[in-house]
Amino acid sequence: MASRAIWKGQLRLSLVSIPIEIHSATKTSSRVSFRQIHEPSGKPVKYEKSVPGIGPIDAKDIVKGYDTGNDKYMLIDPEELDAIKLETKKTFELVQFVDACEISPLYFDKPYYVVPTDDLAQDAYRVVRDALRSAGKVGLGQFTMRGKEYLGAIKPCGDGLLLETLHYADELRKADPLFGEIADEKVDKELLEVATTLIDRKSGPFDASAFTDHYAEALHELIEAKRKNKKTKSVSTAEDDAPSGENVVDLMAALKESVKKSKASGRSTRKKAS
């Protein structure tokens, strides 16, 4: 399946703007995924947005609420959020350059590929790529994607550019409370030498393909074995693609509960009147 751009805009360096697309550098298609099934009925478990006393609701009626304390929420419409004007919605401007080794691994979050949108953009794209490689620098900037403004680092990657989103400083926990409990004592010299020797013997170039997800492999083997076993229990959920009556049942329950409360309130009022 062809990669789909998750962000389109411009990569800007001073007065130079380069039309670019950003694509995810990772994939999850090889992972084994499961769906929760209600075993007694064989039906898939569904998760619906509902409100106590009302039941299932329409997504168009949902707005965001900011917690102001004491179970009170300030309501904010989606249109108000969309109206926030940020240049980073369409522009990733390189505002600073640093040595790659200056950024602690703690800050790195997720990798993305950055590609020029057309042939005309390739010349300027190559200039930025080669300039970063020649200087040994990483370019820093910000861009807005899916309702959040990200801090990102751009660096050369083969024939192209790699963008890695970074955590903001206030998103990281301080290590001192955890590491502070480790006693500051000198390690045994002989033990240190043995450990160093083992590290030297197992040192070599990094090759990610040398590592595999053993748990995923075991899951695939389990699934294949169960598929071949005629005694394996299975259920069909094809009919569940059609609209079900679950919403009606939930709504009916809520209405009946409201009627009961209304009747109880009416009896209480009549007693007081008499």
C-alpha atoms as a PDB file:
ATOM      1  CA  MET A   1       0.000   0.000   0.000  1.00  0.00           C
ATOM      2  CA  ALA A   2       1.340   3.410  -1.005  1.00  0.00           C
ATOM      3  CA  SER A   3       2.315   5.726   1.836  1.00  0.00           C
ATOM      4  CA  ARG A   4      -0.144   8.505   2.578  1.00  0.00           C
ATOM      5  CA  ALA A   5       1.049  11.957   3.604  1.00  0.00           C
ATOM      6  CA  ILE A   6      -0.080  12.952   7.097  1.00  0.00           C
ATOM      7  CA  TRP A   7       0.988  16.595   6.762  1.00  0.00           C
ATOM      8  CA  LYS A   8       1.502  18.917   3.795  1.00  0.00           C
ATOM      9  CA  GLY A   9       3.046  22.358   3.897  1.00  0.00           C
ATOM     10  CA  GLN A  10       6.331  24.186   3.482  1.00  0.00           C
ATOM     11  CA  LEU A  11       9.803  23.687   4.907  1.00  0.00           C
ATOM     12  CA  ARG A  12      11.213  27.185   5.307  1.00  0.00           C
ATOM     13  CA  LEU A  13      14.829  28.224   5.662  1.00  0.00           C
ATOM     14  CA  SER A  14      15.053  32.018   5.858  1.00  0.00           C
ATOM     15  CA  LEU A  15      13.486  33.250   2.603  1.00  0.00           C
ATOM     16  CA  VAL A  16      13.478  29.818   0.941  1.00  0.00           C
ATOM     17  CA  SER A  17      10.242  27.816   1.125  1.00  0.00           C
ATOM     18  CA  ILE A  18      10.118  24.200  -0.053  1.00  0.00           C
ATOM     19  CA  PRO A  19       6.780  22.399  -0.578  1.00  0.00           C
ATOM     20  CA  ILE A  20       6.972  19.142   1.394  1.00  0.00           C
ATOM     21  CA  GLU A  21       4.976  16.175   2.614  1.00  0.00           C
ATOM     22  CA  ILE A  22       5.510  14.286   5.859  1.00  0.00           C
ATOM     23  CA  HIS A  23       5.028  10.511   5.979  1.00  0.00           C
ATOM     24  CA  SER A  24       5.185   8.190   8.971  1.00  0.00           C
ATOM     25  CA  ALA A  25       8.465   6.246   9.062  1.00  0.00           C
ATOM     26  CA  THR A  26       6.970   3.398  11.096  1.00  0.00           C
ATOM     27  CA  LYS A  27       4.225   0.868  10.404  1.00  0.00           C
ATOM     28  CA  THR A  28       2.027  -1.356  12.537  1.00  0.00           C
ATOM     29  CA  SER A  29       0.638  -3.666   9.835  1.00  0.00           C
ATOM     30  CA  SER A  30       2.896  -6.544  10.898  1.00  0.00           C
ATOM     31  CA  ARG A  31       1.546  -6.535  14.457  1.00  0.00           C
ATOM     32  CA  VAL A  32      -1.030  -9.053  15.595  1.00  0.00           C
ATOM     33  CA  SER A  33      -4.253  -7.375  16.689  1.00  0.00           C
ATOM     34  CA  PHE A  34      -7.247  -8.834  18.493  1.00  0.00           C
ATOM     35  CA  ARG A  35     -10.867  -7.830  18.875  1.00  0.00           C
ATOM     36  CA  GLN A  36     -12.741  -8.334  22.117  1.00  0.00           C
ATOM     37  CA  ILE A  37     -15.571 -10.896  21.823  1.00  0.00           C
ATOM     38  CA  HIS A  38     -18.397 -11.552  24.275  1.00  0.00           C
ATOM     39  CA  GLU A  39     -17.917 -15.326  24.576  1.00  0.00           C
ATOM     40  CA  PRO A  40     -21.481 -16.338  25.647  1.00  0.00           C
ATOM     41  CA  SER A  41     -23.045 -14.627  22.609  1.00  0.00           C
ATOM     42  CA  GLY A  42     -20.100 -14.612  20.205  1.00  0.00           C
ATOM     43  CA  LYS A  43     -20.731 -10.941  19.495  1.00  0.00           C
ATOM     44  CA  PRO A  44     -17.964  -8.305  19.255  1.00  0.00           C
ATOM     45  CA  VAL A  45     -17.768  -5.846  22.139  1.00  0.00           C
ATOM     46  CA  LYS A  46     -18.673  -2.314  21.063  1.00  0.00           C
ATOM     47  CA  TYR A  47     -17.811   0.978  22.689  1.00  0.00           C
ATOM     48  CA  GLU A  48     -20.353   3.737  22.282  1.00  0.00           C
ATOM     49  CA  LYS A  49     -20.316   7.323  23.491  1.00  0.00           C
ATOM     50  CA  SER A  50     -23.171   7.749  25.926  1.00  0.00           C
ATOM     51  CA  VAL A  51     -24.406  10.133  28.603  1.00  0.00           C
ATOM     52  CA  PRO A  52     -25.834   8.959  31.957  1.00  0.00           C
ATOM     53  CA  GLY A  53     -29.629   9.229  31.907  1.00  0.00           C
ATOM     54  CA  ILE A  54     -29.702   9.853  28.146  1.00  0.00           C
ATOM     55  CA  GLY A  55     -27.936   6.928  26.521  1.00  0.00           C
ATOM     56  CA  PRO A  56     -25.987   6.881  23.233  1.00  0.00           C
ATOM     57  CA  ILE A  57     -25.417  10.296  21.661  1.00  0.00           C
ATOM     58  CA  ASP A  58     -24.488  11.709  18.257  1.00  0.00           C
ATOM     59  CA  ALA A  59     -20.836  12.645  17.733  1.00  0.00           C
ATOM     60  CA  LYS A  60     -21.865  16.017  16.266  1.00  0.00           C
ATOM     61  CA  ASP A  61     -23.280  17.006  19.661  1.00  0.00           C
ATOM     62  CA  ILE A  62     -19.940  16.584  21.419  1.00  0.00           C
ATOM     63  CA  VAL A  63     -17.827  19.617  22.328  1.00  0.00           C
ATOM     64  CA  LYS A  64     -14.628  19.870  24.341  1.00  0.00           C
ATOM     65  CA  GLY A  65     -14.751  20.744  28.014  1.00  0.00           C
ATOM     66  CA  TYR A  66     -11.910  22.308  30.004  1.00  0.00           C
ATOM     67  CA  ASP A  67     -11.860  21.206  33.653  1.00  0.00           C
ATOM     68  CA  THR A  68     -12.061  24.326  35.842  1.00  0.00           C
ATOM     69  CA  GLY A  69     -12.347  22.336  39.075  1.00  0.00           C
ATOM     70  CA  ASN A  70     -15.239  21.267  41.325  1.00  0.00           C
ATOM     71  CA  ASP A  71     -16.741  19.123  38.508  1.00  0.00           C
ATOM     72  CA  LYS A  72     -17.270  22.202  36.337  1.00  0.00           C
ATOM     73  CA  TYR A  73     -16.204  22.399  32.696  1.00  0.00           C
ATOM     74  CA  MET A  74     -15.783  25.376  30.396  1.00  0.00           C
ATOM     75  CA  LEU A  75     -17.269  24.438  27.004  1.00  0.00           C
ATOM     76  CA  ILE A  76     -15.235  25.085  23.858  1.00  0.00           C
ATOM     77  CA  ASP A  77     -16.611  24.541  20.342  1.00  0.00           C
ATOM     78  CA  PRO A  78     -14.451  22.817  17.686  1.00  0.00           C
ATOM     79  CA  GLU A  79     -14.825  25.938  15.517  1.00  0.00           C
ATOM     80  CA  GLU A  80     -13.151  28.034  18.214  1.00  0.00           C
ATOM     81  CA  LEU A  81     -10.152  25.695  18.211  1.00  0.00           C
ATOM     82  CA  ASP A  82      -9.963  25.746  14.399  1.00  0.00           C
ATOM     83  CA  ALA A  83      -9.987  29.557  14.498  1.00  0.00           C
ATOM     84  CA  ILE A  84      -6.682  29.648  16.380  1.00  0.00           C
ATOM     85  CA  LYS A  85      -4.244  30.999  13.823  1.00  0.00           C
ATOM     86  CA  LEU A  86      -0.800  29.396  13.858  1.00  0.00           C
ATOM     87  CA  GLU A  87       1.732  29.785  11.093  1.00  0.00           C
ATOM     88  CA  THR A  88       3.000  26.313  11.965  1.00  0.00           C
ATOM     89  CA  LYS A  89      -0.207  24.771  10.572  1.00  0.00           C
ATOM     90  CA  LYS A  90       1.266  25.041   7.089  1.00  0.00           C
ATOM     91  CA  THR A  91       4.901  26.005   7.648  1.00  0.00           C
ATOM     92  CA  PHE A  92       7.815  24.184   9.295  1.00  0.00           C
ATOM     93  CA  GLU A  93      10.464  26.888   9.730  1.00  0.00           C
ATOM     94  CA  LEU A  94      14.007  25.909  10.668  1.00  0.00           C
ATOM     95  CA  VAL A  95      14.746  28.432  13.406  1.00  0.00           C
ATOM     96  CA  GLN A  96      17.859  26.931  15.013  1.00  0.00           C
ATOM     97  CA  PHE A  97      20.624  24.446  14.251  1.00  0.00           C
ATOM     98  CA  VAL A  98      22.403  22.258  16.795  1.00  0.00           C
ATOM     99  CA  ASP A  99      24.804  19.329  16.836  1.00  0.00           C
ATOM    100  CA  ALA A 100      22.891  16.049  16.837  1.00  0.00           C
ATOM    101  CA  CYS A 101      24.734  14.870  19.935  1.00  0.00           C
ATOM    102  CA  GLU A 102      23.408  17.879  21.887  1.00  0.00           C
ATOM    103  CA  ILE A 103      19.865  16.435  21.958  1.00  0.00           C
ATOM    104  CA  SER A 104      19.361  13.862  24.685  1.00  0.00           C
ATOM    105  CA  PRO A 105      17.683  10.596  23.530  1.00  0.00           C
ATOM    106  CA  LEU A 106      14.991  11.334  26.127  1.00  0.00           C
ATOM    107  CA  TYR A 107      13.556  14.028  23.878  1.00  0.00           C
ATOM    108  CA  PHE A 108      13.076  11.914  20.740  1.00  0.00           C
ATOM    109  CA  ASP A 109       9.517  10.716  20.168  1.00  0.00           C
ATOM    110  CA  LYS A 110       8.557   9.508  16.655  1.00  0.00           C
ATOM    111  CA  PRO A 111      10.290   9.488  13.232  1.00  0.00           C
ATOM    112  CA  TYR A 112       8.824  10.749   9.945  1.00  0.00           C
ATOM    113  CA  TYR A 113      10.109  10.969   6.377  1.00  0.00           C
ATOM    114  CA  VAL A 114      10.121  14.416   4.767  1.00  0.00           C
ATOM    115  CA  VAL A 115       9.830  14.461   0.956  1.00  0.00           C
ATOM    116  CA  PRO A 116       9.495  17.240  -1.666  1.00  0.00           C
ATOM    117  CA  THR A 117       6.024  17.445  -3.200  1.00  0.00           C
ATOM    118  CA  ASP A 118       7.196  17.847  -6.816  1.00  0.00           C
ATOM    119  CA  ASP A 119      10.217  17.965  -9.118  1.00  0.00           C
ATOM    120  CA  LEU A 120      10.522  21.748  -8.847  1.00  0.00           C
ATOM    121  CA  ALA A 121      11.033  21.500  -5.085  1.00  0.00           C
ATOM    122  CA  GLN A 122      13.807  18.918  -5.319  1.00  0.00           C
ATOM    123  CA  ASP A 123      16.672  21.335  -6.027  1.00  0.00           C
ATOM    124  CA  ALA A 124      16.100  23.411  -2.894  1.00  0.00           C
ATOM    125  CA  TYR A 125      15.375  20.222  -0.922  1.00  0.00           C
ATOM    126  CA  ARG A 126      18.762  18.751  -1.886  1.00  0.00           C
ATOM    127  CA  VAL A 127      20.525  21.980  -0.944  1.00  0.00           C
ATOM    128  CA  VAL A 128      19.065  21.892   2.593  1.00  0.00           C
ATOM    129  CA  ARG A 129      19.832  18.176   2.936  1.00  0.00           C
ATOM    130  CA  ASP A 130      23.447  18.495   1.838  1.00  0.00           C
ATOM    131  CA  ALA A 131      24.025  21.675   3.843  1.00  0.00           C
ATOM    132  CA  LEU A 132      22.858  19.944   7.030  1.00  0.00           C
ATOM    133  CA  ARG A 133      25.066  16.947   6.276  1.00  0.00           C
ATOM    134  CA  SER A 134      28.097  19.142   5.533  1.00  0.00           C
ATOM    135  CA  ALA A 135      27.634  21.173   8.722  1.00  0.00           C
ATOM    136  CA  GLY A 136      26.878  18.116  10.843  1.00  0.00           C
ATOM    137  CA  LYS A 137      23.832  19.907  12.205  1.00  0.00           C
ATOM    138  CA  VAL A 138      20.184  19.198  12.969  1.00  0.00           C
ATOM    139  CA  GLY A 139      17.519  21.798  12.171  1.00  0.00           C
ATOM    140  CA  LEU A 140      14.891  22.618  14.801  1.00  0.00           C
ATOM    141  CA  GLY A 141      11.411  23.981  14.197  1.00  0.00           C
ATOM    142  CA  GLN A 142       7.722  23.521  14.962  1.00  0.00           C
ATOM    143  CA  PHE A 143       4.660  22.381  13.030  1.00  0.00           C
ATOM    144  CA  THR A 144       0.999  21.833  13.881  1.00  0.00           C
ATOM    145  CA  MET A 145      -0.568  18.458  13.174  1.00  0.00           C
ATOM    146  CA  ARG A 146      -3.835  16.910  14.373  1.00  0.00           C
ATOM    147  CA  GLY A 147      -4.604  19.662  16.844  1.00  0.00           C
ATOM    148  CA  LYS A 148      -1.166  19.841  18.453  1.00  0.00           C
ATOM    149  CA  GLU A 149       1.958  21.896  17.825  1.00  0.00           C
ATOM    150  CA  TYR A 150       5.039  19.685  17.712  1.00  0.00           C
ATOM    151  CA  LEU A 151       8.706  20.464  18.191  1.00  0.00           C
ATOM    152  CA  GLY A 152      10.742  18.676  15.536  1.00  0.00           C
ATOM    153  CA  ALA A 153      14.329  18.013  14.490  1.00  0.00           C
ATOM    154  CA  ILE A 154      15.217  17.556  10.823  1.00  0.00           C
ATOM    155  CA  LYS A 155      18.390  15.812   9.693  1.00  0.00           C
ATOM    156  CA  PRO A 156      19.766  14.053   6.589  1.00  0.00           C
ATOM    157  CA  CYS A 157      18.731  10.428   6.123  1.00  0.00           C
ATOM    158  CA  GLY A 158      20.157   8.682   3.077  1.00  0.00           C
ATOM    159  CA  ASP A 159      18.878  10.521   0.004  1.00  0.00           C
ATOM    160  CA  GLY A 160      16.280  12.428   1.992  1.00  0.00           C
ATOM    161  CA  LEU A 161      15.429  14.148   5.250  1.00  0.00           C
ATOM    162  CA  LEU A 162      14.216  12.603   8.483  1.00  0.00           C
ATOM    163  CA  LEU A 163      11.993  14.490  10.927  1.00  0.00           C
ATOM    164  CA  GLU A 164      11.876  13.350  14.533  1.00  0.00           C
ATOM    165  CA  THR A 165       9.289  14.872  16.833  1.00  0.00           C
ATOM    166  CA  LEU A 166      10.680  15.904  20.214  1.00  0.00           C
ATOM    167  CA  HIS A 167       9.105  16.099  23.639  1.00  0.00           C
ATOM    168  CA  TYR A 168       8.874  19.565  25.156  1.00  0.00           C
ATOM    169  CA  ALA A 169      10.944  20.128  28.304  1.00  0.00           C
ATOM    170  CA  ASP A 170       7.848  20.176  30.550  1.00  0.00           C
ATOM    171  CA  GLU A 171       6.749  16.763  29.226  1.00  0.00           C
ATOM    172  CA  LEU A 172       9.732  14.939  30.714  1.00  0.00           C
ATOM    173  CA  ARG A 173       9.894  13.664  34.265  1.00  0.00           C
ATOM    174  CA  LYS A 174      12.993  14.417  36.288  1.00  0.00           C
ATOM    175  CA  ALA A 175      15.149  11.368  36.963  1.00  0.00           C
ATOM    176  CA  ASP A 176      16.540  12.576  40.310  1.00  0.00           C
ATOM    177  CA  PRO A 177      13.661  11.255  42.464  1.00  0.00           C
ATOM    178  CA  LEU A 178      14.247   7.786  40.988  1.00  0.00           C
ATOM    179  CA  PHE A 179      18.016   7.666  40.543  1.00  0.00           C
ATOM    180  CA  GLY A 180      18.629   9.558  43.772  1.00  0.00           C
ATOM    181  CA  GLU A 181      17.927   6.409  45.773  1.00  0.00           C
ATOM    182  CA  ILE A 182      20.822   4.547  44.125  1.00  0.00           C
ATOM    183  CA  ALA A 183      23.731   4.493  46.562  1.00  0.00           C
ATOM    184  CA  ASP A 184      26.803   6.377  45.330  1.00  0.00           C
ATOM    185  CA  GLU A 185      29.443   3.740  46.013  1.00  0.00           C
ATOM    186  CA  LYS A 186      32.451   2.600  43.998  1.00  0.00           C
ATOM    187  CA  VAL A 187      31.989  -0.685  42.157  1.00  0.00           C
ATOM    188  CA  ASP A 188      34.349  -3.617  42.582  1.00  0.00           C
ATOM    189  CA  LYS A 189      37.308  -3.210  40.222  1.00  0.00           C
ATOM    190  CA  GLU A 190      37.447  -6.865  39.171  1.00  0.00           C
ATOM    191  CA  LEU A 191      33.712  -6.997  38.487  1.00  0.00           C
ATOM    192  CA  LEU A 192      34.025  -3.849  36.404  1.00  0.00           C
ATOM    193  CA  GLU A 193      36.799  -5.415  34.319  1.00  0.00           C
ATOM    194  CA  VAL A 194      34.746  -8.570  33.705  1.00  0.00           C
ATOM    195  CA  ALA A 195      31.706  -6.534  32.643  1.00  0.00           C
ATOM    196  CA  THR A 196      33.860  -4.374  30.348  1.00  0.00           C
ATOM    197  CA  THR A 197      35.356  -7.479  28.735  1.00  0.00           C
ATOM    198  CA  LEU A 198      31.892  -8.901  28.052  1.00  0.00           C
ATOM    199  CA  ILE A 199      30.795  -5.626  26.498  1.00  0.00           C
ATOM    200  CA  ASP A 200      33.869  -5.556  24.244  1.00  0.00           C
ATOM    201  CA  ARG A 201      33.252  -9.123  23.056  1.00  0.00           C
ATOM    202  CA  LYS A 202      29.626  -8.388  22.161  1.00  0.00           C
ATOM    203  CA  SER A 203      30.287  -5.014  20.513  1.00  0.00           C
ATOM    204  CA  GLY A 204      29.625  -4.511  16.803  1.00  0.00           C
ATOM    205  CA  PRO A 205      27.838  -2.361  14.206  1.00  0.00           C
ATOM    206  CA  PHE A 206      24.144  -1.737  14.812  1.00  0.00           C
ATOM    207  CA  ASP A 207      21.888  -3.891  12.625  1.00  0.00           C
ATOM    208  CA  ALA A 208      18.185  -3.669  13.462  1.00  0.00           C
ATOM    209  CA  SER A 209      17.387  -6.632  11.201  1.00  0.00           C
ATOM    210  CA  ALA A 210      19.315  -8.870  13.607  1.00  0.00           C
ATOM    211  CA  PHE A 211      16.498  -8.444  16.125  1.00  0.00           C
ATOM    212  CA  THR A 212      12.988  -9.851  15.756  1.00  0.00           C
ATOM    213  CA  ASP A 213       9.810  -9.604  17.799  1.00  0.00           C
ATOM    214  CA  HIS A 214       9.715 -13.101  19.293  1.00  0.00           C
ATOM    215  CA  TYR A 215       6.330 -12.536  20.920  1.00  0.00           C
ATOM    216  CA  ALA A 216       4.758 -11.540  17.578  1.00  0.00           C
ATOM    217  CA  GLU A 217       6.297 -14.616  15.939  1.00  0.00           C
ATOM    218  CA  ALA A 218       4.886 -16.846  18.684  1.00  0.00           C
ATOM    219  CA  LEU A 219       1.437 -15.257  18.221  1.00  0.00           C
ATOM    220  CA  HIS A 220       1.528 -15.933  14.466  1.00  0.00           C
ATOM    221  CA  GLU A 221       2.496 -19.553  15.131  1.00  0.00           C
ATOM    222  CA  LEU A 222      -0.310 -19.921  17.680  1.00  0.00           C
ATOM    223  CA  ILE A 223      -2.884 -18.437  15.286  1.00  0.00           C
ATOM    224  CA  GLU A 224      -1.730 -20.658  12.419  1.00  0.00           C
ATOM    225  CA  ALA A 225      -1.863 -23.775  14.609  1.00  0.00           C
ATOM    226  CA  LYS A 226      -5.376 -22.918  15.811  1.00  0.00           C
ATOM    227  CA  ARG A 227      -6.487 -22.203  12.237  1.00  0.00           C
ATOM    228  CA  LYS A 228      -5.447 -25.730  11.193  1.00  0.00           C
ATOM    229  CA  ASN A 229      -7.106 -27.301  14.242  1.00  0.00           C
ATOM    230  CA  LYS A 230     -10.693 -28.256  13.365  1.00  0.00           C
ATOM    231  CA  LYS A 231     -11.661 -28.137  17.044  1.00  0.00           C
ATOM    232  CA  THR A 232     -10.837 -24.439  17.352  1.00  0.00           C
ATOM    233  CA  LYS A 233     -13.891 -22.443  18.386  1.00  0.00           C
ATOM    234  CA  SER A 234     -14.814 -19.468  16.195  1.00  0.00           C
ATOM    235  CA  VAL A 235     -17.724 -17.062  15.739  1.00  0.00           C
ATOM    236  CA  SER A 236     -19.129 -15.072  12.831  1.00  0.00           C
ATOM    237  CA  THR A 237     -19.713 -11.333  13.275  1.00  0.00           C
ATOM    238  CA  ALA A 238     -20.784 -10.476   9.698  1.00  0.00           C
ATOM    239  CA  GLU A 239     -24.339  -9.611  10.726  1.00  0.00           C
ATOM    240  CA  ASP A 240     -23.010  -7.105  13.243  1.00  0.00           C
ATOM    241  CA  ASP A 241     -21.959  -4.768  10.425  1.00  0.00           C
ATOM    242  CA  ALA A 242     -25.625  -3.825  10.073  1.00  0.00           C
ATOM    243  CA  PRO A 243     -27.173  -1.302  12.486  1.00  0.00           C
ATOM    244  CA  SER A 244     -28.179  -3.031  15.689  1.00  0.00           C
ATOM    245  CA  GLY A 245     -30.921  -2.327  18.203  1.00  0.00           C
ATOM    246  CA  GLU A 246     -28.509  -1.750  21.047  1.00  0.00           C
ATOM    247  CA  ASN A 247     -28.972   2.011  20.941  1.00  0.00           C
ATOM    248  CA  VAL A 248     -32.749   1.603  21.185  1.00  0.00           C
ATOM    249  CA  VAL A 249     -32.421  -0.754  24.147  1.00  0.00           C
ATOM    250  CA  ASP A 250     -30.114   1.620  26.014  1.00  0.00           C
ATOM    251  CA  LEU A 251     -32.277   4.627  25.223  1.00  0.00           C
ATOM    252  CA  MET A 252     -35.435   2.743  26.243  1.00  0.00           C
ATOM    253  CA  ALA A 253     -33.854   1.838  29.581  1.00  0.00           C
ATOM    254  CA  ALA A 254     -32.966   5.483  30.169  1.00  0.00           C
ATOM    255  CA  LEU A 255     -36.508   6.613  29.270  1.00  0.00           C
ATOM    256  CA  LYS A 256     -38.104   4.006  31.556  1.00  0.00           C
ATOM    257  CA  GLU A 257     -35.863   5.135  34.408  1.00  0.00           C
ATOM    258  CA  SER A 258     -36.878   8.744  33.779  1.00  0.00           C
ATOM    259  CA  VAL A 259     -40.581   7.754  33.821  1.00  0.00           C
ATOM    260  CA  LYS A 260     -40.145   5.941  37.150  1.00  0.00           C
ATOM    261  CA  LYS A 261     -38.495   8.998  38.687  1.00  0.00           C
ATOM    262  CA  SER A 262     -41.237  11.214  37.273  1.00  0.00           C
ATOM    263  CA  LYS A 263     -43.993   9.011  38.746  1.00  0.00           C
ATOM    264  CA  ALA A 264     -42.261   8.858  42.116  1.00  0.00           C
ATOM    265  CA  SER A 265     -41.947  12.621  42.130  1.00  0.00           C
ATOM    266  CA  GLY A 266     -45.650  12.981  41.230  1.00  0.00           C
ATOM    267  CA  ARG A 267     -46.783  10.702  44.075  1.00  0.00           C
ATOM    268  CA  SER A 268     -44.628  12.632  46.501  1.00  0.00           C
ATOM    269  CA  THR A 269     -46.195  15.921  45.389  1.00  0.00           C
ATOM    270  CA  ARG A 270     -49.783  14.595  45.708  1.00  0.00           C
ATOM    271  CA  LYS A 271     -49.141  13.310  49.229  1.00  0.00           C
ATOM    272  CA  LYS A 272     -47.906  16.700  50.330  1.00  0.00           C
ATOM    273  CA  ALA A 273     -50.925  18.370  48.707  1.00  0.00           C
ATOM    274  CA  SER A 274     -53.345  16.132  50.592  1.00  0.00           C
END
